[in-house]
């Protein structure tokens, strides 16, 4: 005898069990977000380093 829970569980397995497109989409979105965060951090760090170097070179040339 099937209970409500068994019916719902079997329905959910049949409906979402074999479809992994959503999981792939989420994985790609997380990967893109991680790459974006790494790029932002790298640009920020390198921008500050470049600004410091240009200031140092400008000071050396000026005086």
N, C-alpha and C. Protein backbone atom coordinates (compact mmCIF):
# COMPACT_ATOMS: atom_id res chain seq x y z
N UNK A 1 0.84 -1.18 0.00
CA UNK A 1 0.00 0.00 0.00
C UNK A 1 0.89 1.25 0.00
N UNK A 2 0.66 2.14 -0.96
CA UNK A 2 1.44 3.36 -1.08
C UNK A 2 0.87 4.45 -0.19
N UNK A 3 1.76 5.13 0.48
CA UNK A 3 1.34 6.27 1.28
C UNK A 3 1.54 7.55 0.46
N UNK A 4 1.12 8.65 1.00
CA UNK A 4 1.32 9.93 0.31
C UNK A 4 2.81 10.19 0.12
N UNK A 5 3.59 9.88 1.15
CA UNK A 5 5.03 10.12 1.06
C UNK A 5 5.66 9.30 -0.06
N UNK A 6 5.28 8.03 -0.18
CA UNK A 6 5.82 7.18 -1.24
C UNK A 6 5.44 7.72 -2.62
N UNK A 7 4.21 8.19 -2.74
CA UNK A 7 3.77 8.74 -4.02
C UNK A 7 4.57 10.00 -4.37
N UNK A 8 4.72 10.87 -3.40
CA UNK A 8 5.45 12.12 -3.65
C UNK A 8 6.92 11.82 -3.95
N UNK A 9 7.53 10.90 -3.21
CA UNK A 9 8.93 10.55 -3.44
C UNK A 9 9.13 9.96 -4.83
N UNK A 10 8.24 9.07 -5.25
CA UNK A 10 8.37 8.47 -6.57
C UNK A 10 8.13 9.51 -7.66
N UNK A 11 7.20 10.43 -7.42
CA UNK A 11 6.95 11.50 -8.39
C UNK A 11 8.19 12.39 -8.54
N UNK A 12 8.78 12.77 -7.41
CA UNK A 12 9.96 13.64 -7.46
C UNK A 12 11.14 12.95 -8.14
N UNK A 13 11.32 11.66 -7.88
CA UNK A 13 12.40 10.92 -8.55
C UNK A 13 12.16 10.86 -10.04
N UNK A 14 10.93 10.62 -10.46
CA UNK A 14 10.61 10.54 -11.88
C UNK A 14 10.73 11.90 -12.54
N UNK A 15 10.37 12.94 -11.84
CA UNK A 15 10.36 14.28 -12.42
C UNK A 15 11.75 14.89 -12.49
N UNK A 16 12.56 14.73 -11.45
CA UNK A 16 13.85 15.42 -11.37
C UNK A 16 15.05 14.50 -11.31
N UNK A 17 14.87 13.21 -11.26
CA UNK A 17 15.98 12.29 -11.05
C UNK A 17 16.97 12.21 -12.17
N UNK A 18 16.51 12.18 -13.42
CA UNK A 18 17.41 11.98 -14.56
C UNK A 18 17.81 13.27 -15.24
N UNK A 19 17.24 14.36 -14.83
CA UNK A 19 17.53 15.63 -15.50
C UNK A 19 18.63 16.36 -14.76
N UNK A 20 19.80 16.48 -15.39
CA UNK A 20 20.93 17.14 -14.74
C UNK A 20 21.27 18.46 -15.41
N UNK A 21 20.40 18.96 -16.28
CA UNK A 21 20.69 20.23 -16.94
C UNK A 21 20.77 21.37 -15.94
N UNK A 22 19.86 21.38 -14.99
CA UNK A 22 19.86 22.43 -13.99
C UNK A 22 21.11 22.40 -13.14
N UNK A 23 21.57 21.21 -12.80
CA UNK A 23 22.80 21.08 -12.01
C UNK A 23 24.00 21.60 -12.80
N UNK A 24 24.05 21.30 -14.08
CA UNK A 24 25.16 21.78 -14.90
C UNK A 24 25.13 23.29 -15.00
N UNK A 25 23.95 23.86 -15.14
CA UNK A 25 23.82 25.31 -15.23
C UNK A 25 24.29 25.97 -13.95
N UNK A 26 23.93 25.41 -12.82
CA UNK A 26 24.36 25.97 -11.54
C UNK A 26 25.87 25.85 -11.39
N UNK A 27 26.44 24.73 -11.79
CA UNK A 27 27.89 24.55 -11.70
C UNK A 27 28.62 25.56 -12.57
N UNK A 28 28.14 25.77 -13.79
CA UNK A 28 28.77 26.76 -14.67
C UNK A 28 28.63 28.17 -14.11
N UNK A 29 27.48 28.49 -13.55
CA UNK A 29 27.28 29.82 -12.97
C UNK A 29 28.23 30.04 -11.79
N UNK A 30 28.39 29.03 -10.94
CA UNK A 30 29.33 29.16 -9.83
C UNK A 30 30.77 29.30 -10.32
N UNK A 31 31.11 28.58 -11.36
CA UNK A 31 32.46 28.66 -11.92
C UNK A 31 32.72 30.05 -12.50
N UNK A 32 31.76 30.59 -13.22
CA UNK A 32 31.90 31.94 -13.79
C UNK A 32 32.01 32.97 -12.67
N UNK A 33 31.22 32.82 -11.62
CA UNK A 33 31.27 33.76 -10.49
C UNK A 33 32.63 33.69 -9.80
N UNK A 34 33.16 32.49 -9.62
CA UNK A 34 34.47 32.34 -8.99
C UNK A 34 35.57 32.97 -9.84
N UNK A 35 35.51 32.76 -11.14
CA UNK A 35 36.50 33.36 -12.04
C UNK A 35 36.40 34.88 -11.99
N UNK A 36 35.19 35.41 -11.95
CA UNK A 36 35.01 36.86 -11.88
C UNK A 36 35.60 37.43 -10.59
N UNK A 37 35.39 36.75 -9.48
CA UNK A 37 35.94 37.22 -8.20
C UNK A 37 37.46 37.20 -8.24
N UNK A 38 38.04 36.15 -8.78
CA UNK A 38 39.51 36.06 -8.87
C UNK A 38 40.04 37.17 -9.77
N UNK A 39 39.37 37.44 -10.89
CA UNK A 39 39.82 38.50 -11.79
C UNK A 39 39.74 39.86 -11.12
N UNK A 40 38.67 40.12 -10.39
CA UNK A 40 38.53 41.41 -9.70
C UNK A 40 39.63 41.59 -8.67
N UNK A 41 39.92 40.55 -7.91
CA UNK A 41 40.99 40.63 -6.91
C UNK A 41 42.34 40.84 -7.58
N UNK A 42 42.59 40.13 -8.68
CA UNK A 42 43.88 40.27 -9.38
C UNK A 42 44.04 41.67 -9.96
N UNK A 43 43.00 42.21 -10.57
CA UNK A 43 43.08 43.55 -11.15
C UNK A 43 43.28 44.59 -10.05
N UNK A 44 42.60 44.43 -8.93
CA UNK A 44 42.77 45.37 -7.83
C UNK A 44 44.20 45.33 -7.30
N UNK A 45 44.71 44.15 -7.07
CA UNK A 45 46.08 44.01 -6.55
C UNK A 45 47.10 44.54 -7.54
N UNK A 46 46.98 44.14 -8.80
CA UNK A 46 47.95 44.58 -9.81
C UNK A 46 47.82 46.07 -10.08
N UNK A 47 46.62 46.62 -10.00
CA UNK A 47 46.43 48.05 -10.19
C UNK A 47 47.14 48.85 -9.11
N UNK A 48 47.02 48.41 -7.88
CA UNK A 48 47.71 49.10 -6.78
C UNK A 48 49.22 48.97 -6.92
N UNK A 49 49.68 47.81 -7.29
CA UNK A 49 51.12 47.61 -7.46
C UNK A 49 51.65 48.47 -8.60
N UNK A 50 50.91 48.53 -9.71
CA UNK A 50 51.35 49.33 -10.85
C UNK A 50 51.35 50.80 -10.49
N UNK A 51 50.34 51.26 -9.75
CA UNK A 51 50.28 52.67 -9.34
C UNK A 51 51.49 53.02 -8.48
N UNK A 52 51.85 52.13 -7.56
CA UNK A 52 53.01 52.37 -6.71
C UNK A 52 54.30 52.43 -7.53
N UNK A 53 54.45 51.52 -8.48
CA UNK A 53 55.66 51.51 -9.32
C UNK A 53 55.76 52.77 -10.17
N UNK A 54 54.64 53.19 -10.78
CA UNK A 54 54.67 54.40 -11.59
C UNK A 54 55.00 55.62 -10.74
N UNK A 55 54.47 55.68 -9.52
CA UNK A 55 54.81 56.78 -8.62
C UNK A 55 56.29 56.78 -8.29
N UNK A 56 56.83 55.60 -8.02
CA UNK A 56 58.26 55.47 -7.70
C UNK A 56 59.12 55.90 -8.87
N UNK A 57 58.79 55.45 -10.08
CA UNK A 57 59.56 55.82 -11.26
C UNK A 57 59.42 57.31 -11.54
N UNK A 58 58.21 57.85 -11.38
CA UNK A 58 58.01 59.28 -11.61
C UNK A 58 58.81 60.12 -10.65
N UNK A 59 58.89 59.69 -9.39
CA UNK A 59 59.68 60.42 -8.41
C UNK A 59 61.16 60.35 -8.73
N UNK A 60 61.63 59.20 -9.21
CA UNK A 60 63.04 59.04 -9.55
C UNK A 60 63.41 59.89 -10.76
N UNK A 61 62.52 59.98 -11.73
CA UNK A 61 62.79 60.78 -12.93
C UNK A 61 62.75 62.27 -12.60
N UNK A 62 61.83 62.68 -11.75
CA UNK A 62 61.66 64.09 -11.42
C UNK A 62 62.80 64.64 -10.56
N UNK A 63 63.34 63.82 -9.74
CA UNK A 63 64.30 64.42 -8.86
C UNK A 63 65.38 63.54 -8.46
